[in-house]
N, C-alpha and C. Protein backbone atom coordinates (compact mmCIF):
# COMPACT_ATOMS: atom_id res chain seq x y z
N ASP A 1 1.26 -1.45 -0.20
CA ASP A 1 -0.21 0.32 -0.02
C ASP A 1 0.62 1.44 -0.27
N VAL A 2 0.72 1.88 -1.15
CA VAL A 2 1.57 3.09 -1.37
C VAL A 2 1.48 4.04 -0.31
N ARG A 3 0.20 4.33 0.05
CA ARG A 3 -0.04 5.50 1.33
C ARG A 3 0.18 5.27 2.71
N ARG A 4 0.46 3.70 2.93
CA ARG A 4 1.49 3.14 4.09
C ARG A 4 2.94 3.70 3.93
N THR A 5 3.56 3.32 3.06
CA THR A 5 4.73 3.33 2.82
C THR A 5 5.18 4.48 2.84
N CYS A 6 4.33 5.79 2.36
CA CYS A 6 4.99 7.27 1.94
C CYS A 6 4.86 7.71 3.81
N GLU A 7 3.60 7.31 4.41
CA GLU A 7 3.26 7.89 5.68
C GLU A 7 4.62 6.92 6.76
N SER A 8 5.37 6.43 6.46
CA SER A 8 5.98 5.31 7.58
C SER A 8 7.22 5.94 7.97
N ASP A 9 7.42 5.76 8.67
CA ASP A 9 8.56 6.46 9.31
C ASP A 9 10.38 5.95 8.57
N PRO A 10 11.28 6.45 8.82
CA PRO A 10 12.43 5.84 8.40
C PRO A 10 12.88 5.07 9.27
N LEU A 11 14.03 4.25 8.75
CA LEU A 11 14.37 2.85 9.40
C LEU A 11 15.87 3.62 9.79
N ASP A 12 16.08 3.18 11.53
CA ASP A 12 17.15 3.37 11.92
C ASP A 12 18.23 1.93 11.95
N THR A 13 18.11 0.56 11.45
CA THR A 13 18.54 0.16 10.90
C THR A 13 18.33 -0.95 9.66
N LEU A 14 19.71 -1.13 8.73
CA LEU A 14 18.49 -1.63 7.27
C LEU A 14 18.57 -3.47 8.09
N PRO A 15 17.66 -3.53 7.61
CA PRO A 15 17.33 -5.00 7.81
C PRO A 15 17.40 -6.07 6.39
N ARG A 16 18.20 -7.25 6.64
CA ARG A 16 19.25 -8.42 6.05
C ARG A 16 18.36 -8.38 4.56
N ALA A 17 17.33 -8.60 4.89
CA ALA A 17 16.60 -8.47 3.94
C ALA A 17 16.62 -7.66 2.51
N LEU A 18 16.59 -6.43 2.93
CA LEU A 18 17.05 -4.82 1.90
C LEU A 18 18.00 -4.95 1.65
N ILE A 19 18.78 -6.26 2.32
CA ILE A 19 20.49 -5.59 1.64
C ILE A 19 20.40 -6.97 0.01
N PRO A 20 20.88 -5.68 -1.23
CA PRO A 20 20.31 -6.84 -2.18
C PRO A 20 21.98 -8.17 -2.45
N ARG A 21 21.57 -9.02 -2.47
CA ARG A 21 22.30 -10.14 -3.06
C ARG A 21 22.44 -10.27 -4.67
N SER A 22 23.38 -10.36 -5.10
CA SER A 22 23.89 -10.49 -6.65
C SER A 22 23.61 -11.48 -7.04
N HIS A 23 23.28 -13.09 -6.73
CA HIS A 23 22.40 -13.96 -7.53
C HIS A 23 20.85 -13.44 -7.26
N ALA A 24 20.10 -13.24 -6.63
CA ALA A 24 19.31 -12.87 -6.28
C ALA A 24 18.01 -12.64 -7.26
N SER A 25 17.06 -13.28 -7.63
CA SER A 25 16.25 -13.20 -8.78
C SER A 25 15.24 -11.75 -8.74
N LEU A 26 14.62 -12.13 -7.37
CA LEU A 26 14.40 -9.94 -6.67
C LEU A 26 14.71 -9.12 -5.95
N ARG A 27 15.04 -8.58 -6.79
CA ARG A 27 16.17 -7.58 -6.11
C ARG A 27 15.17 -6.31 -4.80
N PRO A 28 16.23 -5.67 -4.07
CA PRO A 28 15.07 -5.10 -2.79
C PRO A 28 15.01 -3.84 -3.28
N PRO A 29 13.71 -2.74 -2.87
CA PRO A 29 14.52 -0.89 -3.59
C PRO A 29 14.87 -0.61 -3.15
N VAL A 30 15.94 0.85 -3.45
CA VAL A 30 16.25 1.29 -3.10
C VAL A 30 16.07 1.81 -2.30
N LEU A 31 17.19 2.24 -0.48
CA LEU A 31 17.08 2.75 0.73
C LEU A 31 18.44 3.98 0.50
N ARG A 32 18.14 4.76 0.82
CA ARG A 32 18.93 5.87 0.59
C ARG A 32 19.43 6.34 2.86
N PHE A 33 20.33 6.24 2.98
CA PHE A 33 21.11 6.70 4.73
C PHE A 33 21.57 7.71 4.62
N GLY A 34 20.92 8.30 4.99
CA GLY A 34 21.43 9.97 5.52
C GLY A 34 20.40 10.94 6.56
N TRP A 35 20.61 12.46 5.41
CA TRP A 35 19.40 12.89 6.82
C TRP A 35 18.84 13.88 5.85
N VAL A 36 17.28 14.32 6.57
CA VAL A 36 16.90 15.28 5.50
C VAL A 36 17.53 16.22 5.42
N ALA A 37 17.02 16.96 3.78
CA ALA A 37 18.30 17.80 4.16
C ALA A 37 17.67 19.39 4.22
N ASP A 38 18.26 20.45 5.08
CA ASP A 38 17.85 21.27 5.33
C ASP A 38 18.37 22.19 4.20
N ASP A 39 17.24 22.97 3.90
CA ASP A 39 17.38 23.80 2.34
C ASP A 39 18.27 24.80 3.43
N GLU A 40 18.12 25.13 4.25
CA GLU A 40 18.50 26.27 4.99
C GLU A 40 19.94 26.90 4.94
N LYS A 41 20.49 25.62 6.36
CA LYS A 41 21.46 25.16 6.18
C LYS A 41 22.51 24.86 5.05
N LEU A 42 22.25 24.28 4.32
CA LEU A 42 22.50 23.99 3.32
C LEU A 42 23.02 24.86 2.18
N LEU A 43 22.53 25.92 2.17
CA LEU A 43 22.69 27.30 0.79
C LEU A 43 23.25 28.09 1.75
N GLU A 44 23.12 28.23 3.13
CA GLU A 44 24.41 28.88 4.05
C GLU A 44 25.78 28.59 4.15
N LEU A 45 25.44 27.11 4.46
CA LEU A 45 27.04 26.62 3.96
C LEU A 45 27.46 26.87 2.78
N ALA A 46 26.78 26.83 1.16
CA ALA A 46 27.16 27.36 -0.22
C ALA A 46 27.43 28.33 0.01
N GLU A 47 27.05 29.63 0.46
CA GLU A 47 27.46 31.20 0.72
C GLU A 47 28.79 31.01 1.17
N LYS A 48 29.05 30.28 2.38
CA LYS A 48 30.16 30.44 3.43
C LYS A 48 31.16 29.53 2.21
N TYR A 49 30.84 28.85 1.37
CA TYR A 49 32.00 27.52 0.52
C TYR A 49 32.20 28.90 -0.81
N ASP A 50 30.99 29.89 -1.20
CA ASP A 50 31.13 30.51 -2.30
C ASP A 50 30.70 29.59 -3.60
N CYS A 51 29.42 28.83 -3.08
CA CYS A 51 29.12 27.98 -4.34
C CYS A 51 27.98 27.79 -4.48
N ILE A 52 27.71 28.84 -4.75
CA ILE A 52 25.97 28.95 -4.97
C ILE A 52 25.68 28.74 -6.96
N ILE A 53 25.22 28.39 -6.82
CA ILE A 53 25.02 27.94 -8.58
C ILE A 53 23.61 28.92 -8.95
N THR A 54 24.13 29.50 -9.96
CA THR A 54 22.19 30.21 -10.27
C THR A 54 22.12 29.60 -11.70
N LYS A 55 20.81 29.61 -11.65
CA LYS A 55 20.11 29.03 -13.05
C LYS A 55 20.76 29.65 -14.45
N ALA A 56 20.57 29.20 -15.50
CA ALA A 56 21.04 29.70 -16.41
C ALA A 56 20.12 30.32 -17.17
N ALA A 57 19.98 31.80 -17.47
CA ALA A 57 19.19 32.55 -18.17
C ALA A 57 18.49 31.43 -19.23
N TYR A 58 17.33 32.30 -19.39
CA TYR A 58 16.82 31.22 -20.65
C TYR A 58 16.35 32.24 -21.22
N ASP A 59 16.56 32.48 -22.84
CA ASP A 59 16.56 33.24 -23.75
C ASP A 59 15.68 31.94 -24.94
N PRO A 60 15.02 32.71 -25.27
CA PRO A 60 13.67 31.04 -26.57
C PRO A 60 14.38 31.53 -27.51
N LYS A 61 15.35 32.87 -27.83
CA LYS A 61 16.28 32.58 -28.89
C LYS A 61 17.26 31.73 -29.36
N ASP A 62 17.40 31.17 -28.29
CA ASP A 62 18.33 30.53 -27.82
C ASP A 62 18.13 29.29 -28.35
N VAL A 63 17.20 28.71 -28.33
CA VAL A 63 16.30 27.87 -28.25
C VAL A 63 16.07 27.18 -29.51
N GLU A 64 16.58 26.87 -30.68
CA GLU A 64 15.97 26.37 -32.04
C GLU A 64 14.43 25.87 -32.37
N ASP A 65 13.46 26.80 -32.26
CA ASP A 65 12.30 26.26 -33.05
C ASP A 65 11.83 25.64 -33.77
N GLU A 66 10.94 24.58 -33.60
CA GLU A 66 10.98 24.10 -35.41
C GLU A 66 9.75 24.20 -35.74
N ASP A 67 9.15 24.93 -34.96
CA ASP A 67 8.07 25.61 -35.66
C ASP A 67 8.10 27.63 -34.89
N GLU A 68 8.15 28.01 -36.45
CA GLU A 68 8.54 29.52 -35.77
C GLU A 68 7.07 30.29 -35.46
N ASP A 69 6.03 29.75 -35.47
CA ASP A 69 5.06 30.22 -35.58
C ASP A 69 4.16 29.67 -34.41
N GLU A 70 4.50 29.36 -33.40
CA GLU A 70 4.73 29.00 -32.02
C GLU A 70 3.83 30.49 -31.56
N ASP A 71 2.68 29.91 -30.48
CA ASP A 71 1.81 30.92 -30.01
C ASP A 71 3.30 31.82 -28.86
N GLU A 72 2.81 32.92 -29.11
CA GLU A 72 3.60 34.16 -28.04
C GLU A 72 3.05 33.53 -26.45
N ASP A 73 1.77 33.71 -26.44
CA ASP A 73 1.12 33.30 -25.15
C ASP A 73 2.10 31.74 -24.33
N GLU A 74 2.64 31.41 -25.35
CA GLU A 74 2.69 29.77 -24.51
C GLU A 74 4.16 29.87 -23.95
N ASP A 75 4.84 31.15 -24.44
CA ASP A 75 6.58 31.39 -24.30
C ASP A 75 6.32 32.08 -22.93
N GLU A 76 4.89 32.61 -22.91
CA GLU A 76 5.08 33.63 -21.60
C GLU A 76 4.62 32.90 -20.41
N ASP A 77 3.68 31.75 -20.50
CA ASP A 77 3.31 31.31 -19.45
C ASP A 77 4.49 29.60 -19.04
N GLU A 78 5.23 30.41 -20.49
CA GLU A 78 6.18 28.73 -19.55
C GLU A 78 7.22 29.61 -18.63
N ASP A 79 7.58 31.27 -19.38
CA ASP A 79 8.40 31.98 -18.32
C ASP A 79 7.39 32.10 -17.12
N LYS A 80 6.19 32.04 -17.06
CA LYS A 80 5.82 32.66 -15.83
C LYS A 80 5.85 31.10 -14.63
N ASP A 81 5.81 30.01 -15.35
CA ASP A 81 5.93 28.79 -14.92
C ASP A 81 7.82 28.26 -13.99
N LYS A 82 8.34 28.69 -14.86
CA LYS A 82 9.90 28.72 -14.74
C LYS A 82 9.81 29.67 -13.64
N ASP A 83 9.56 31.14 -13.34
CA ASP A 83 9.79 32.13 -12.34
C ASP A 83 9.21 31.10 -10.84
N GLU A 84 8.17 30.65 -11.11
CA GLU A 84 6.95 29.90 -10.04
C GLU A 84 8.16 29.05 -9.25
N ASP A 85 8.92 28.21 -10.16
CA ASP A 85 9.94 26.85 -9.79
C ASP A 85 11.12 28.02 -9.06
N ASP A 86 11.10 28.92 -9.14
CA ASP A 86 12.10 29.87 -7.87
C ASP A 86 11.82 29.42 -6.03
N ASP A 87 12.68 29.58 -5.86
CA ASP A 87 12.54 29.09 -3.60
C ASP A 87 12.54 30.40 -3.81
N PRO A 88 10.77 31.41 -3.50
CA PRO A 88 11.25 33.41 -2.83
C PRO A 88 12.57 33.83 -2.37
N ARG A 89 13.18 32.61 -1.31
CA ARG A 89 13.92 32.86 -0.54
C ARG A 89 15.32 32.64 -1.07
N TRP A 90 15.52 32.34 -2.42
CA TRP A 90 16.85 32.16 -2.89
C TRP A 90 16.36 32.16 -4.75
N PRO A 91 16.21 33.30 -5.42
CA PRO A 91 15.54 33.47 -6.78
C PRO A 91 17.13 33.51 -7.52
N GLY A 92 16.44 32.71 -8.44
CA GLY A 92 17.51 32.46 -9.56
C GLY A 92 18.50 31.72 -8.86
N VAL A 93 18.65 30.97 -7.83
CA VAL A 93 19.46 29.89 -7.44
C VAL A 93 19.07 28.56 -7.51
N ASP A 94 19.97 27.83 -8.33
CA ASP A 94 19.67 25.86 -8.90
C ASP A 94 20.04 25.71 -7.35
N MET A 95 19.13 25.40 -7.01
CA MET A 95 18.65 24.54 -5.68
C MET A 95 19.53 23.37 -5.42
N LEU A 96 19.26 22.26 -6.80
CA LEU A 96 19.99 20.64 -6.02
C LEU A 96 21.10 20.87 -7.15
N ASP A 97 21.53 21.60 -7.66
CA ASP A 97 23.04 21.75 -7.82
C ASP A 97 23.93 22.61 -7.12
N THR A 98 23.19 23.69 -6.31
CA THR A 98 23.91 23.86 -5.27
C THR A 98 24.57 22.98 -4.02
N MET A 99 23.12 22.18 -3.61
CA MET A 99 23.02 21.70 -2.65
C MET A 99 23.81 20.32 -2.67
N ASN A 100 24.08 19.73 -4.19
CA ASN A 100 24.81 18.82 -4.47
C ASN A 100 26.35 19.10 -4.27
N ASP A 101 27.34 20.63 -4.57
CA ASP A 101 28.20 21.06 -4.99
C ASP A 101 28.64 21.26 -3.44
N VAL A 102 27.72 22.03 -2.28
CA VAL A 102 28.03 21.85 -0.92
C VAL A 102 28.39 20.47 -0.38
N ILE A 103 27.65 19.82 -0.45
CA ILE A 103 27.45 18.64 0.30
C ILE A 103 28.69 17.81 -0.02
N VAL A 104 29.59 17.80 -1.20
CA VAL A 104 30.90 17.61 -1.60
C VAL A 104 31.80 18.41 -1.32
N GLN A 105 31.84 19.73 -0.92
CA GLN A 105 32.41 20.23 -0.65
C GLN A 105 32.52 20.01 0.68
N VAL A 106 31.97 19.93 1.56
CA VAL A 106 32.02 20.18 3.05
C VAL A 106 33.14 18.67 3.36
N ALA A 107 32.58 17.74 2.81
CA ALA A 107 33.29 16.41 2.70
C ALA A 107 34.67 16.85 2.65
N ASN A 108 34.82 17.24 1.38
CA ASN A 108 36.15 17.03 0.68
C ASN A 108 37.28 18.41 1.84
N ASP A 109 36.65 19.08 2.48
CA ASP A 109 36.57 19.75 2.96
C ASP A 109 37.41 19.41 4.54
N LEU A 110 36.90 18.22 5.10
CA LEU A 110 36.92 17.10 6.15
C LEU A 110 37.94 16.11 6.19
N GLY A 111 37.99 15.78 4.50
CA GLY A 111 39.10 15.22 4.16
C GLY A 111 38.29 13.50 4.06
N ILE A 112 36.85 13.71 4.50
CA ILE A 112 35.96 12.51 4.45
C ILE A 112 36.04 11.90 2.96
N GLU A 113 35.99 10.43 2.56
CA GLU A 113 35.82 10.10 1.63
C GLU A 113 34.37 9.62 1.52
N LEU A 114 33.77 10.21 0.27
CA LEU A 114 32.23 9.70 0.44
C LEU A 114 31.41 9.50 -0.64
N PRO A 115 31.86 8.24 -1.88
CA PRO A 115 31.78 8.40 -3.34
C PRO A 115 30.45 8.09 -3.49
N ASN A 116 29.63 7.80 -2.66
CA ASN A 116 28.69 8.02 -3.02
C ASN A 116 27.25 9.11 -2.62
N LEU A 117 28.38 10.06 -2.36
CA LEU A 117 27.84 11.28 -1.90
C LEU A 117 26.45 11.83 -2.83
N GLU A 118 25.49 11.99 -2.58
CA GLU A 118 24.34 12.95 -3.13
C GLU A 118 23.23 13.19 -2.44
N ILE A 119 22.67 14.46 -3.30
CA ILE A 119 21.31 14.48 -2.77
C ILE A 119 20.04 13.47 -3.89
N GLY A 120 19.53 13.34 -2.93
CA GLY A 120 18.44 12.21 -3.60
C GLY A 120 17.00 12.82 -2.99
N GLY A 121 16.21 12.05 -3.42
CA GLY A 121 14.40 11.89 -3.06
C GLY A 121 14.35 10.80 -2.17
N ALA A 122 13.22 11.21 -1.33
CA ALA A 122 12.54 10.19 -0.49
C ALA A 122 11.16 9.61 -0.53
N MET A 123 10.99 8.85 -0.41
CA MET A 123 9.62 8.55 -0.59
C MET A 123 8.49 8.60 0.63
N ARG A 124 8.07 9.56 0.69
CA ARG A 124 7.28 10.73 2.09
C ARG A 124 6.09 11.03 1.37
N GLY A 125 5.15 11.87 2.81
CA GLY A 125 3.70 12.31 2.31
C GLY A 125 3.85 13.36 1.63
N SER A 126 5.03 14.13 2.23
CA SER A 126 4.96 15.19 0.92
C SER A 126 6.69 15.64 0.40
N GLU A 127 6.78 16.29 0.08
CA GLU A 127 8.03 16.08 -0.75
C GLU A 127 9.45 16.21 0.67
N CYS A 128 10.55 15.04 0.01
CA CYS A 128 11.33 15.13 0.83
C CYS A 128 13.09 14.85 0.26
N THR A 129 13.82 15.66 0.60
CA THR A 129 14.83 15.95 0.16
C THR A 129 15.97 15.75 1.13
N ILE A 130 16.72 14.27 0.52
CA ILE A 130 17.88 13.73 1.25
C ILE A 130 19.07 13.87 0.85
N VAL A 131 20.50 13.68 2.20
CA VAL A 131 21.72 13.88 2.02
C VAL A 131 21.70 12.49 1.84
N SER A 132 21.81 11.96 1.18
CA SER A 132 22.41 10.72 0.71
C SER A 132 24.12 10.14 1.15
N LEU A 133 24.53 9.55 1.87
CA LEU A 133 25.52 8.97 2.01
C LEU A 133 25.94 7.67 1.64
N PHE A 134 24.65 7.08 1.21
CA PHE A 134 25.22 5.74 0.22
C PHE A 134 24.01 5.04 0.05
N THR A 135 23.11 3.90 -0.23
CA THR A 135 22.05 3.20 -0.79
C THR A 135 22.59 1.77 0.11
N ASN A 136 21.51 1.01 -0.07
CA ASN A 136 21.50 -0.20 0.62
C ASN A 136 22.66 -1.12 -0.58
N TYR A 137 22.71 -0.22 -1.79
CA TYR A 137 23.43 -1.18 -2.85
C TYR A 137 24.71 -0.76 -2.50
N ASP A 138 24.65 -0.25 -1.33
CA ASP A 138 26.20 0.54 -1.88
C ASP A 138 27.09 -0.52 -0.45
N VAL A 139 26.49 -1.02 0.59
CA VAL A 139 26.87 -1.28 1.92
C VAL A 139 27.67 -3.03 1.76
N THR A 140 28.22 -3.28 0.63
CA THR A 140 29.22 -3.93 0.24
C THR A 140 30.32 -3.83 0.38
N GLN A 141 30.29 -2.27 0.16
CA GLN A 141 31.55 -1.29 -0.40
C GLN A 141 31.92 -0.96 0.89
N LYS A 142 33.16 -0.32 0.57
CA LYS A 142 34.07 0.37 1.89
C LYS A 142 33.00 1.46 2.39
N LEU A 143 32.57 1.58 3.37
CA LEU A 143 31.86 2.66 3.92
C LEU A 143 32.38 3.28 4.47
N PRO A 144 32.08 4.99 4.96
CA PRO A 144 32.87 6.00 5.94
C PRO A 144 32.74 4.91 7.15
N SER A 145 33.42 5.52 8.30
CA SER A 145 33.66 5.08 9.71
C SER A 145 32.13 5.77 10.54
N GLN A 146 32.21 5.25 11.72
CA GLN A 146 30.81 6.42 11.94
C GLN A 146 31.16 7.49 12.91
N GLU A 147 32.49 7.25 12.80
CA GLU A 147 32.91 8.46 13.33
C GLU A 147 33.03 9.53 12.18
N ASP A 148 33.16 9.72 10.79
CA ASP A 148 33.28 10.59 10.31
C ASP A 148 32.17 10.93 9.30
N ILE A 149 31.12 10.06 9.80
CA ILE A 149 29.71 9.88 9.77
C ILE A 149 29.21 11.33 10.47
N GLU A 150 29.54 11.49 11.92
CA GLU A 150 29.11 11.93 12.59
C GLU A 150 29.78 13.31 12.54
N ARG A 151 31.33 13.39 12.30
CA ARG A 151 31.97 14.96 11.75
C ARG A 151 31.59 15.20 10.51
N TYR A 152 30.81 14.71 10.01
CA TYR A 152 29.93 15.18 8.56
C TYR A 152 28.76 15.52 8.90
N GLY A 153 28.13 14.68 9.87
CA GLY A 153 26.43 15.45 9.92
C GLY A 153 27.00 16.59 11.20
N ALA A 154 27.35 16.80 11.79
CA ALA A 154 28.28 17.74 12.64
C ALA A 154 28.51 18.97 11.94
N ALA A 155 29.22 19.05 10.62
CA ALA A 155 29.50 19.99 9.81
C ALA A 155 28.64 20.54 9.22
N LEU A 156 27.48 19.55 8.62
CA LEU A 156 26.32 20.10 8.08
C LEU A 156 25.41 20.66 9.39
N GLY A 157 25.81 20.52 10.40
CA GLY A 157 24.27 21.22 11.09
C GLY A 157 23.81 20.25 11.48
N VAL A 158 24.01 18.77 11.58
CA VAL A 158 22.84 17.76 12.05
C VAL A 158 22.80 17.51 13.17
N THR A 159 21.84 17.20 13.80
CA THR A 159 22.02 16.75 15.27
C THR A 159 21.22 15.10 15.51
N GLU A 160 20.57 14.98 14.86
CA GLU A 160 19.96 13.65 14.73
C GLU A 160 20.91 12.43 13.91
N LYS A 161 20.52 11.25 14.17
CA LYS A 161 21.73 9.97 13.60
C LYS A 161 21.03 9.80 12.13
N PRO A 162 21.59 9.63 11.29
CA PRO A 162 20.83 9.63 9.81
C PRO A 162 20.31 7.92 9.84
N LYS A 163 19.18 7.73 8.72
CA LYS A 163 18.48 6.82 9.14
C LYS A 163 18.28 6.88 7.37
N TRP A 164 17.30 5.18 7.49
CA TRP A 164 16.74 4.94 6.06
C TRP A 164 15.88 4.95 5.43
N TYR A 165 16.02 5.96 4.53
CA TYR A 165 14.41 6.63 3.67
C TYR A 165 14.57 5.43 2.02
N LEU A 166 13.45 5.31 2.32
CA LEU A 166 12.50 4.74 0.92
C LEU A 166 13.07 5.73 -0.30
N ASP A 167 14.07 5.16 -1.18
CA ASP A 167 14.11 6.36 -2.66
C ASP A 167 12.81 6.63 -3.01
N GLU A 168 12.32 7.66 -4.11
CA GLU A 168 11.38 7.82 -4.44
C GLU A 168 11.22 7.58 -5.70
N MET A 169 11.85 6.98 -6.38
CA MET A 169 12.28 6.57 -7.80
C MET A 169 12.48 5.05 -7.76
N ASN A 170 13.06 4.57 -7.12
CA ASN A 170 13.24 3.36 -7.06
C ASN A 170 13.13 2.38 -5.53
N CYS A 171 11.04 2.55 -5.89
CA CYS A 171 10.48 2.35 -4.68
C CYS A 171 10.52 0.86 -4.63
N TRP A 172 10.60 -0.22 -5.63
CA TRP A 172 9.85 -1.35 -5.72
C TRP A 172 10.48 -2.30 -5.47
N TRP A 173 10.30 -3.58 -5.24
CA TRP A 173 10.79 -4.59 -5.49
C TRP A 173 10.95 -4.63 -7.07
N THR A 174 11.96 -5.48 -7.12
CA THR A 174 12.47 -5.55 -8.62
C THR A 174 12.91 -7.01 -9.47
N THR A 175 12.95 -7.50 -10.50
CA THR A 175 14.14 -8.34 -11.16
C THR A 175 14.86 -7.46 -12.10
N ARG A 176 14.56 -6.53 -11.91
CA ARG A 176 15.67 -5.77 -13.04
C ARG A 176 16.99 -5.25 -11.68
N ARG A 177 18.14 -5.23 -12.59
CA ARG A 177 19.28 -4.53 -11.92
C ARG A 177 19.16 -2.84 -12.05
N TYR A 178 19.40 -2.20 -10.80
CA TYR A 178 19.25 -0.77 -11.00
C TYR A 178 20.63 -0.56 -11.53
N LEU A 179 20.50 0.90 -12.46
CA LEU A 179 21.85 0.85 -13.23
C LEU A 179 22.83 1.65 -12.61
N TRP A 180 22.84 2.10 -11.32
CA TRP A 180 24.07 2.94 -11.09
C TRP A 180 24.80 1.94 -10.41
């Protein structure tokens, strides 16, 4: 039941059944180990590290349009939608790219190796962005130490322990191999 899954709490520990096995015909959903991303804190860190990434200016003349007679009202609607996507607190900032950049810079600054570090989405009742240290598909590889995870979390301003969150895109058991 998708609704119940979305409303469930993240896991403190990863059950063995959710650790993928290479020869299994059925593969578990992806779970991300990390914290809920605090946009404000991450963007403050991005300012500190001078790594705010702005959205590229959109100029319809730069895009080759196959249909030259396209209605101008459609263009105006697209521009209006584009502006509505901006976070009013951070206009013009590419939030995803900025957050991905700053989390990597913080890890590098601390000398912590986190090869699978990324911003990811979690299956939750509302939109939920995760600072993902690694996934259940990475647990057979060399993982960061508990000490490094705690230092990294402290540098991000996180006070709680990381948890396992169900990935929003790969949230089903499957017979396919995930592509990363």
